[in-house]
Amino acid sequence: LDMPAVIDVISKGAAQSWQMENRAQTMLQGDYAFGFAVDWMRKDLGILFTEAEMLGLDLPITRQIDRFYADVQAMGGGRWDTSSLLERLIEEQK
């Protein structure tokens, strides 16, 4: 796919977001050396899971995303921006 064209089309619809506007180009370049680190996201998700457990809440989709972030950490991406989830998905396709 012509990814710049895909991003252009998607960004004009309901998928338009801050992430799309500010991270699409760096994601295409594989540049994640900025922004909110995966390590910090996992720390915050840990706090969320503790609170959710105390409230008796089950967050299966959030837990799956946390597992994906753990995979990014295992790839050496703990300090990468959270948009680096793309690398996890790319790795899965190999």
PDB file of N, CA and C in Angstrom:
ATOM      1  N   LEU A   1       0.833  -1.190   0.000  1.00  0.00           N
ATOM      2  CA  LEU A   1       0.000   0.000   0.000  1.00  0.00           C
ATOM      3  C   LEU A   1       0.874   1.249   0.000  1.00  0.00           C
ATOM      4  N   ASP A   2       0.371   2.280  -0.599  1.00  0.00           N
ATOM      5  CA  ASP A   2       1.020   3.593  -0.558  1.00  0.00           C
ATOM      6  C   ASP A   2       0.623   4.230   0.779  1.00  0.00           C
ATOM      7  N   MET A   3       1.480   4.050   1.791  1.00  0.00           N
ATOM      8  CA  MET A   3       1.120   4.459   3.153  1.00  0.00           C
ATOM      9  C   MET A   3       0.828   5.951   3.294  1.00  0.00           C
ATOM     10  N   PRO A   4       1.594   6.856   2.672  1.00  0.00           N
ATOM     11  CA  PRO A   4       1.204   8.269   2.773  1.00  0.00           C
ATOM     12  C   PRO A   4      -0.209   8.519   2.241  1.00  0.00           C
ATOM     13  N   ALA A   5      -0.590   7.834   1.159  1.00  0.00           N
ATOM     14  CA  ALA A   5      -1.947   7.990   0.621  1.00  0.00           C
ATOM     15  C   ALA A   5      -2.977   7.407   1.584  1.00  0.00           C
ATOM     16  N   VAL A   6      -2.677   6.261   2.175  1.00  0.00           N
ATOM     17  CA  VAL A   6      -3.584   5.647   3.151  1.00  0.00           C
ATOM     18  C   VAL A   6      -3.797   6.594   4.328  1.00  0.00           C
ATOM     19  N   ILE A   7      -2.718   7.148   4.838  1.00  0.00           N
ATOM     20  CA  ILE A   7      -2.817   8.073   5.971  1.00  0.00           C
ATOM     21  C   ILE A   7      -3.619   9.306   5.590  1.00  0.00           C
ATOM     22  N   ASP A   8      -3.403   9.811   4.390  1.00  0.00           N
ATOM     23  CA  ASP A   8      -4.150  10.979   3.929  1.00  0.00           C
ATOM     24  C   ASP A   8      -5.648  10.689   3.921  1.00  0.00           C
ATOM     25  N   VAL A   9      -6.040   9.542   3.401  1.00  0.00           N
ATOM     26  CA  VAL A   9      -7.458   9.181   3.335  1.00  0.00           C
ATOM     27  C   VAL A   9      -8.028   8.962   4.737  1.00  0.00           C
ATOM     28  N   ILE A  10      -7.337   8.176   5.546  1.00  0.00           N
ATOM     29  CA  ILE A  10      -7.831   7.864   6.892  1.00  0.00           C
ATOM     30  C   ILE A  10      -7.948   9.120   7.744  1.00  0.00           C
ATOM     31  N   SER A  11      -7.000  10.028   7.606  1.00  0.00           N
ATOM     32  CA  SER A  11      -6.987  11.223   8.459  1.00  0.00           C
ATOM     33  C   SER A  11      -8.120  12.194   8.141  1.00  0.00           C
ATOM     34  N   LYS A  12      -8.821  11.959   7.064  1.00  0.00           N
ATOM     35  CA  LYS A  12      -9.941  12.834   6.712  1.00  0.00           C
ATOM     36  C   LYS A  12     -11.278  12.283   7.211  1.00  0.00           C
ATOM     37  N   GLY A  13     -11.255  11.113   7.839  1.00  0.00           N
ATOM     38  CA  GLY A  13     -12.489  10.501   8.321  1.00  0.00           C
ATOM     39  C   GLY A  13     -12.528  10.401   9.833  1.00  0.00           C
ATOM     40  N   ALA A  14     -13.300   9.460  10.310  1.00  0.00           N
ATOM     41  CA  ALA A  14     -13.500   9.281  11.747  1.00  0.00           C
ATOM     42  C   ALA A  14     -12.231   8.855  12.476  1.00  0.00           C
ATOM     43  N   ALA A  15     -11.255   8.316  11.759  1.00  0.00           N
ATOM     44  CA  ALA A  15     -10.003   7.874  12.394  1.00  0.00           C
ATOM     45  C   ALA A  15      -9.046   9.032  12.663  1.00  0.00           C
ATOM     46  N   GLN A  16      -9.397  10.229  12.235  1.00  0.00           N
ATOM     47  CA  GLN A  16      -8.525  11.385  12.463  1.00  0.00           C
ATOM     48  C   GLN A  16      -8.355  11.587  13.956  1.00  0.00           C
ATOM     49  N   SER A  17      -7.118  11.813  14.374  1.00  0.00           N
ATOM     50  CA  SER A  17      -6.837  11.981  15.797  1.00  0.00           C
ATOM     51  C   SER A  17      -5.522  12.730  15.977  1.00  0.00           C
ATOM     52  N   TRP A  18      -5.244  13.086  17.213  1.00  0.00           N
ATOM     53  CA  TRP A  18      -3.960  13.716  17.530  1.00  0.00           C
ATOM     54  C   TRP A  18      -2.822  12.789  17.131  1.00  0.00           C
ATOM     55  N   GLN A  19      -2.966  11.512  17.438  1.00  0.00           N
ATOM     56  CA  GLN A  19      -1.931  10.530  17.109  1.00  0.00           C
ATOM     57  C   GLN A  19      -1.689  10.501  15.602  1.00  0.00           C
ATOM     58  N   MET A  20      -2.751  10.516  14.827  1.00  0.00           N
ATOM     59  CA  MET A  20      -2.633  10.502  13.369  1.00  0.00           C
ATOM     60  C   MET A  20      -1.915  11.756  12.881  1.00  0.00           C
ATOM     61  N   GLU A  21      -2.293  12.889  13.413  1.00  0.00           N
ATOM     62  CA  GLU A  21      -1.692  14.156  12.982  1.00  0.00           C
ATOM     63  C   GLU A  21      -0.229  14.290  13.389  1.00  0.00           C
ATOM     64  N   ASN A  22       0.119  13.794  14.563  1.00  0.00           N
ATOM     65  CA  ASN A  22       1.444  14.057  15.122  1.00  0.00           C
ATOM     66  C   ASN A  22       2.421  12.895  15.072  1.00  0.00           C
ATOM     67  N   ARG A  23       1.940  11.693  14.788  1.00  0.00           N
ATOM     68  CA  ARG A  23       2.846  10.540  14.823  1.00  0.00           C
ATOM     69  C   ARG A  23       2.888   9.735  13.522  1.00  0.00           C
ATOM     70  N   ALA A  24       1.987   9.971  12.606  1.00  0.00           N
ATOM     71  CA  ALA A  24       1.937   9.146  11.390  1.00  0.00           C
ATOM     72  C   ALA A  24       3.266   9.147  10.641  1.00  0.00           C
ATOM     73  N   GLN A  25       3.836  10.313  10.411  1.00  0.00           N
ATOM     74  CA  GLN A  25       5.085  10.375   9.638  1.00  0.00           C
ATOM     75  C   GLN A  25       6.245   9.721  10.374  1.00  0.00           C
ATOM     76  N   THR A  26       6.342   9.952  11.674  1.00  0.00           N
ATOM     77  CA  THR A  26       7.446   9.337  12.419  1.00  0.00           C
ATOM     78  C   THR A  26       7.264   7.824  12.511  1.00  0.00           C
ATOM     79  N   MET A  27       6.023   7.369  12.584  1.00  0.00           N
ATOM     80  CA  MET A  27       5.774   5.928  12.595  1.00  0.00           C
ATOM     81  C   MET A  27       6.201   5.306  11.265  1.00  0.00           C
ATOM     82  N   LEU A  28       5.896   5.975  10.166  1.00  0.00           N
ATOM     83  CA  LEU A  28       6.318   5.473   8.854  1.00  0.00           C
ATOM     84  C   LEU A  28       7.837   5.394   8.755  1.00  0.00           C
ATOM     85  N   GLN A  29       8.518   6.303   9.448  1.00  0.00           N
ATOM     86  CA  GLN A  29       9.987   6.335   9.427  1.00  0.00           C
ATOM     87  C   GLN A  29      10.603   5.403  10.472  1.00  0.00           C
ATOM     88  N   GLY A  30       9.782   4.821  11.343  1.00  0.00           N
ATOM     89  CA  GLY A  30      10.298   3.971  12.412  1.00  0.00           C
ATOM     90  C   GLY A  30      11.056   4.763  13.460  1.00  0.00           C
ATOM     91  N   ASP A  31      10.668   6.025  13.647  1.00  0.00           N
ATOM     92  CA  ASP A  31      11.336   6.924  14.593  1.00  0.00           C
ATOM     93  C   ASP A  31      10.467   7.076  15.841  1.00  0.00           C
ATOM     94  N   TYR A  32      10.938   6.511  16.935  1.00  0.00           N
ATOM     95  CA  TYR A  32      10.170   6.535  18.184  1.00  0.00           C
ATOM     96  C   TYR A  32      10.971   7.133  19.338  1.00  0.00           C
ATOM     97  N   ALA A  33      12.016   7.882  19.031  1.00  0.00           N
ATOM     98  CA  ALA A  33      12.944   8.391  20.051  1.00  0.00           C
ATOM     99  C   ALA A  33      12.456   9.714  20.648  1.00  0.00           C
ATOM    100  N   PHE A  34      11.217   9.761  21.080  1.00  0.00           N
ATOM    101  CA  PHE A  34      10.634  10.974  21.652  1.00  0.00           C
ATOM    102  C   PHE A  34       9.322  10.581  22.306  1.00  0.00           C
ATOM    103  N   GLY A  35       8.675  11.507  22.952  1.00  0.00           N
ATOM    104  CA  GLY A  35       7.318  11.286  23.432  1.00  0.00           C
ATOM    105  C   GLY A  35       7.221  10.469  24.710  1.00  0.00           C
ATOM    106  N   PHE A  36       6.044   9.918  24.932  1.00  0.00           N
ATOM    107  CA  PHE A  36       5.712   9.189  26.157  1.00  0.00           C
ATOM    108  C   PHE A  36       6.209   7.756  26.030  1.00  0.00           C
ATOM    109  N   ALA A  37       7.163   7.399  26.866  1.00  0.00           N
ATOM    110  CA  ALA A  37       7.856   6.113  26.757  1.00  0.00           C
ATOM    111  C   ALA A  37       6.961   4.931  27.129  1.00  0.00           C
ATOM    112  N   VAL A  38       7.201   3.823  26.449  1.00  0.00           N
ATOM    113  CA  VAL A  38       6.503   2.567  26.725  1.00  0.00           C
ATOM    114  C   VAL A  38       6.678   2.165  28.188  1.00  0.00           C
ATOM    115  N   ASP A  39       7.879   2.344  28.745  1.00  0.00           N
ATOM    116  CA  ASP A  39       8.103   2.022  30.166  1.00  0.00           C
ATOM    117  C   ASP A  39       7.126   2.785  31.058  1.00  0.00           C
ATOM    118  N   TRP A  40       6.914   4.057  30.757  1.00  0.00           N
ATOM    119  CA  TRP A  40       6.008   4.878  31.564  1.00  0.00           C
ATOM    120  C   TRP A  40       4.558   4.444  31.358  1.00  0.00           C
ATOM    121  N   MET A  41       4.218   4.101  30.127  1.00  0.00           N
ATOM    122  CA  MET A  41       2.859   3.630  29.855  1.00  0.00           C
ATOM    123  C   MET A  41       2.567   2.360  30.652  1.00  0.00           C
ATOM    124  N   ARG A  42       3.524   1.434  30.681  1.00  0.00           N
ATOM    125  CA  ARG A  42       3.308   0.188  31.419  1.00  0.00           C
ATOM    126  C   ARG A  42       3.220   0.446  32.919  1.00  0.00           C
ATOM    127  N   LYS A  43       3.990   1.410  33.420  1.00  0.00           N
ATOM    128  CA  LYS A  43       3.882   1.779  34.837  1.00  0.00           C
ATOM    129  C   LYS A  43       2.467   2.276  35.121  1.00  0.00           C
ATOM    130  N   ASP A  44       1.977   3.170  34.270  1.00  0.00           N
ATOM    131  CA  ASP A  44       0.635   3.715  34.457  1.00  0.00           C
ATOM    132  C   ASP A  44      -0.435   2.636  34.305  1.00  0.00           C
ATOM    133  N   LEU A  45      -0.251   1.734  33.353  1.00  0.00           N
ATOM    134  CA  LEU A  45      -1.207   0.640  33.205  1.00  0.00           C
ATOM    135  C   LEU A  45      -1.206  -0.259  34.438  1.00  0.00           C
ATOM    136  N   GLY A  46      -0.054  -0.439  35.061  1.00  0.00           N
ATOM    137  CA  GLY A  46       0.014  -1.210  36.301  1.00  0.00           C
ATOM    138  C   GLY A  46      -0.834  -0.580  37.391  1.00  0.00           C
ATOM    139  N   ILE A  47      -0.777   0.746  37.499  1.00  0.00           N
ATOM    140  CA  ILE A  47      -1.616   1.465  38.471  1.00  0.00           C
ATOM    141  C   ILE A  47      -3.091   1.259  38.122  1.00  0.00           C
ATOM    142  N   LEU A  48      -3.409   1.380  36.853  1.00  0.00           N
ATOM    143  CA  LEU A  48      -4.784   1.177  36.396  1.00  0.00           C
ATOM    144  C   LEU A  48      -5.287  -0.220  36.750  1.00  0.00           C
ATOM    145  N   PHE A  49      -4.466  -1.239  36.502  1.00  0.00           N
ATOM    146  CA  PHE A  49      -4.890  -2.609  36.788  1.00  0.00           C
ATOM    147  C   PHE A  49      -5.098  -2.839  38.282  1.00  0.00           C
ATOM    148  N   THR A  50      -4.273  -2.220  39.110  1.00  0.00           N
ATOM    149  CA  THR A  50      -4.449  -2.329  40.560  1.00  0.00           C
ATOM    150  C   THR A  50      -5.791  -1.738  40.973  1.00  0.00           C
ATOM    151  N   GLU A  51      -6.091  -0.550  40.472  1.00  0.00           N
ATOM    152  CA  GLU A  51      -7.367   0.102  40.793  1.00  0.00           C
ATOM    153  C   GLU A  51      -8.548  -0.699  40.243  1.00  0.00           C
ATOM    154  N   ALA A  52      -8.415  -1.182  39.019  1.00  0.00           N
ATOM    155  CA  ALA A  52      -9.500  -1.956  38.405  1.00  0.00           C
ATOM    156  C   ALA A  52      -9.796  -3.212  39.215  1.00  0.00           C
ATOM    157  N   GLU A  53      -8.742  -3.864  39.686  1.00  0.00           N
ATOM    158  CA  GLU A  53      -8.929  -5.073  40.492  1.00  0.00           C
ATOM    159  C   GLU A  53      -9.675  -4.748  41.783  1.00  0.00           C
ATOM    160  N   MET A  54      -9.315  -3.634  42.420  1.00  0.00           N
ATOM    161  CA  MET A  54      -9.993  -3.237  43.665  1.00  0.00           C
ATOM    162  C   MET A  54     -11.473  -2.949  43.415  1.00  0.00           C
ATOM    163  N   LEU A  55     -11.799  -2.509  42.201  1.00  0.00           N
ATOM    164  CA  LEU A  55     -13.185  -2.200  41.855  1.00  0.00           C
ATOM    165  C   LEU A  55     -13.914  -3.392  41.232  1.00  0.00           C
ATOM    166  N   GLY A  56     -13.200  -4.498  41.084  1.00  0.00           N
ATOM    167  CA  GLY A  56     -13.811  -5.685  40.498  1.00  0.00           C
ATOM    168  C   GLY A  56     -14.032  -5.583  39.001  1.00  0.00           C
ATOM    169  N   LEU A  57     -13.222  -4.771  38.341  1.00  0.00           N
ATOM    170  CA  LEU A  57     -13.373  -4.579  36.897  1.00  0.00           C
ATOM    171  C   LEU A  57     -12.425  -5.477  36.117  1.00  0.00           C
ATOM    172  N   ASP A  58     -12.902  -5.980  35.004  1.00  0.00           N
ATOM    173  CA  ASP A  58     -12.089  -6.766  34.085  1.00  0.00           C
ATOM    174  C   ASP A  58     -11.833  -5.903  32.849  1.00  0.00           C
ATOM    175  N   LEU A  59     -10.585  -5.775  32.460  1.00  0.00           N
ATOM    176  CA  LEU A  59     -10.214  -4.930  31.324  1.00  0.00           C
ATOM    177  C   LEU A  59      -9.427  -5.755  30.301  1.00  0.00           C
ATOM    178  N   PRO A  60     -10.083  -6.694  29.623  1.00  0.00           N
ATOM    179  CA  PRO A  60      -9.348  -7.614  28.758  1.00  0.00           C
ATOM    180  C   PRO A  60      -8.642  -6.945  27.581  1.00  0.00           C
ATOM    181  N   ILE A  61      -9.249  -5.958  26.978  1.00  0.00           N
ATOM    182  CA  ILE A  61      -8.599  -5.304  25.835  1.00  0.00           C
ATOM    183  C   ILE A  61      -7.394  -4.506  26.312  1.00  0.00           C
ATOM    184  N   THR A  62      -7.540  -3.816  27.427  1.00  0.00           N
ATOM    185  CA  THR A  62      -6.417  -3.063  27.982  1.00  0.00           C
ATOM    186  C   THR A  62      -5.287  -4.002  28.376  1.00  0.00           C
ATOM    187  N   ARG A  63      -5.619  -5.154  28.913  1.00  0.00           N
ATOM    188  CA  ARG A  63      -4.576  -6.140  29.258  1.00  0.00           C
ATOM    189  C   ARG A  63      -3.855  -6.637  28.004  1.00  0.00           C
ATOM    190  N   GLN A  64      -4.587  -6.796  26.906  1.00  0.00           N
ATOM    191  CA  GLN A  64      -3.944  -7.214  25.657  1.00  0.00           C
ATOM    192  C   GLN A  64      -2.979  -6.134  25.169  1.00  0.00           C
ATOM    193  N   ILE A  65      -3.393  -4.889  25.240  1.00  0.00           N
ATOM    194  CA  ILE A  65      -2.512  -3.787  24.837  1.00  0.00           C
ATOM    195  C   ILE A  65      -1.275  -3.764  25.725  1.00  0.00           C
ATOM    196  N   ASP A  66      -1.450  -3.991  27.020  1.00  0.00           N
ATOM    197  CA  ASP A  66      -0.308  -4.048  27.931  1.00  0.00           C
ATOM    198  C   ASP A  66       0.654  -5.164  27.523  1.00  0.00           C
ATOM    199  N   ARG A  67       0.110  -6.305  27.115  1.00  0.00           N
ATOM    200  CA  ARG A  67       0.980  -7.399  26.646  1.00  0.00           C
ATOM    201  C   ARG A  67       1.738  -6.976  25.385  1.00  0.00           C
ATOM    202  N   PHE A  68       1.070  -6.239  24.513  1.00  0.00           N
ATOM    203  CA  PHE A  68       1.758  -5.737  23.310  1.00  0.00           C
ATOM    204  C   PHE A  68       2.896  -4.795  23.711  1.00  0.00           C
ATOM    205  N   TYR A  69       2.629  -3.914  24.686  1.00  0.00           N
ATOM    206  CA  TYR A  69       3.697  -3.017  25.155  1.00  0.00           C
ATOM    207  C   TYR A  69       4.833  -3.812  25.800  1.00  0.00           C
ATOM    208  N   ALA A  70       4.515  -4.892  26.498  1.00  0.00           N
ATOM    209  CA  ALA A  70       5.566  -5.750  27.063  1.00  0.00           C
ATOM    210  C   ALA A  70       6.416  -6.336  25.939  1.00  0.00           C
ATOM    211  N   ASP A  71       5.772  -6.692  24.835  1.00  0.00           N
ATOM    212  CA  ASP A  71       6.519  -7.191  23.676  1.00  0.00           C
ATOM    213  C   ASP A  71       7.452  -6.115  23.125  1.00  0.00           C
ATOM    214  N   VAL A  72       6.974  -4.871  23.073  1.00  0.00           N
ATOM    215  CA  VAL A  72       7.823  -3.763  22.605  1.00  0.00           C
ATOM    216  C   VAL A  72       9.027  -3.609  23.533  1.00  0.00           C
ATOM    217  N   GLN A  73       8.796  -3.691  24.843  1.00  0.00           N
ATOM    218  CA  GLN A  73       9.922  -3.635  25.783  1.00  0.00           C
ATOM    219  C   GLN A  73      10.922  -4.752  25.496  1.00  0.00           C
ATOM    220  N   ALA A  74      10.425  -5.949  25.242  1.00  0.00           N
ATOM    221  CA  ALA A  74      11.303  -7.091  24.959  1.00  0.00           C
ATOM    222  C   ALA A  74      12.095  -6.882  23.667  1.00  0.00           C
ATOM    223  N   MET A  75      11.572  -6.049  22.773  1.00  0.00           N
ATOM    224  CA  MET A  75      12.271  -5.716  21.530  1.00  0.00           C
ATOM    225  C   MET A  75      13.316  -4.620  21.754  1.00  0.00           C
ATOM    226  N   GLY A  76      13.433  -4.151  22.994  1.00  0.00           N
ATOM    227  CA  GLY A  76      14.372  -3.077  23.305  1.00  0.00           C
ATOM    228  C   GLY A  76      13.759  -1.695  23.237  1.00  0.00           C
ATOM    229  N   GLY A  77      12.422  -1.630  23.188  1.00  0.00           N
ATOM    230  CA  GLY A  77      11.746  -0.360  22.997  1.00  0.00           C
ATOM    231  C   GLY A  77      11.150   0.271  24.235  1.00  0.00           C
ATOM    232  N   GLY A  78      11.685   0.001  25.399  1.00  0.00           N
ATOM    233  CA  GLY A  78      11.129   0.573  26.619  1.00  0.00           C
ATOM    234  C   GLY A  78      11.110   2.088  26.642  1.00  0.00           C
ATOM    235  N   ARG A  79      12.091   2.710  26.004  1.00  0.00           N
ATOM    236  CA  ARG A  79      12.158   4.178  25.981  1.00  0.00           C
ATOM    237  C   ARG A  79      11.541   4.763  24.708  1.00  0.00           C
ATOM    238  N   TRP A  80      11.039   3.909  23.827  1.00  0.00           N
ATOM    239  CA  TRP A  80      10.381   4.396  22.611  1.00  0.00           C
ATOM    240  C   TRP A  80       9.038   5.023  22.957  1.00  0.00           C
ATOM    241  N   ASP A  81       8.581   5.918  22.100  1.00  0.00           N
ATOM    242  CA  ASP A  81       7.255   6.506  22.205  1.00  0.00           C
ATOM    243  C   ASP A  81       6.197   5.404  22.090  1.00  0.00           C
ATOM    244  N   THR A  82       5.046   5.622  22.693  1.00  0.00           N
ATOM    245  CA  THR A  82       3.989   4.610  22.673  1.00  0.00           C
ATOM    246  C   THR A  82       3.488   4.294  21.261  1.00  0.00           C
ATOM    247  N   SER A  83       3.724   5.174  20.313  1.00  0.00           N
ATOM    248  CA  SER A  83       3.336   4.876  18.930  1.00  0.00           C
ATOM    249  C   SER A  83       4.125   3.701  18.363  1.00  0.00           C
ATOM    250  N   SER A  84       5.147   3.272  19.089  1.00  0.00           N
ATOM    251  CA  SER A  84       5.971   2.145  18.644  1.00  0.00           C
ATOM    252  C   SER A  84       5.225   0.817  18.666  1.00  0.00           C
ATOM    253  N   LEU A  85       3.979   0.806  19.134  1.00  0.00           N
ATOM    254  CA  LEU A  85       3.173  -0.414  19.029  1.00  0.00           C
ATOM    255  C   LEU A  85       3.149  -0.909  17.590  1.00  0.00           C
ATOM    256  N   LEU A  86       3.287   0.015  16.649  1.00  0.00           N
ATOM    257  CA  LEU A  86       3.343  -0.366  15.242  1.00  0.00           C
ATOM    258  C   LEU A  86       4.454  -1.377  14.990  1.00  0.00           C
ATOM    259  N   GLU A  87       5.598  -1.200  15.643  1.00  0.00           N
ATOM    260  CA  GLU A  87       6.717  -2.132  15.454  1.00  0.00           C
ATOM    261  C   GLU A  87       6.348  -3.531  15.928  1.00  0.00           C
ATOM    262  N   ARG A  88       5.580  -3.624  16.980  1.00  0.00           N
ATOM    263  CA  ARG A  88       5.113  -4.918  17.489  1.00  0.00           C
ATOM    264  C   ARG A  88       4.233  -5.600  16.442  1.00  0.00           C
ATOM    265  N   LEU A  89       3.360  -4.830  15.818  1.00  0.00           N
ATOM    266  CA  LEU A  89       2.476  -5.394  14.805  1.00  0.00           C
ATOM    267  C   LEU A  89       3.248  -5.789  13.552  1.00  0.00           C
ATOM    268  N   ILE A  90       4.234  -4.979  13.181  1.00  0.00           N
ATOM    269  CA  ILE A  90       5.087  -5.314  12.031  1.00  0.00           C
ATOM    270  C   ILE A  90       5.838  -6.607  12.310  1.00  0.00           C
ATOM    271  N   GLU A  91       6.383  -6.735  13.507  1.00  0.00           N
ATOM    272  CA  GLU A  91       7.138  -7.933  13.884  1.00  0.00           C
ATOM    273  C   GLU A  91       6.246  -9.174  13.802  1.00  0.00           C
ATOM    274  N   GLU A  92       4.999  -9.031  14.194  1.00  0.00           N
ATOM    275  CA  GLU A  92       4.056 -10.151  14.154  1.00  0.00           C
ATOM    276  C   GLU A  92       3.819 -10.631  12.725  1.00  0.00           C
ATOM    277  N   GLN A  93       3.894  -9.715  11.771  1.00  0.00           N
ATOM    278  CA  GLN A  93       3.633 -10.061  10.372  1.00  0.00           C
ATOM    279  C   GLN A  93       4.798 -10.769   9.694  1.00  0.00           C
ATOM    280  N   LYS A  94       5.970 -10.745  10.323  1.00  0.00           N
ATOM    281  CA  LYS A  94       7.159 -11.365   9.708  1.00  0.00           C
ATOM    282  C   LYS A  94       7.088 -12.870   9.768  1.00  0.00           C
TER     283      LYS A  94
END
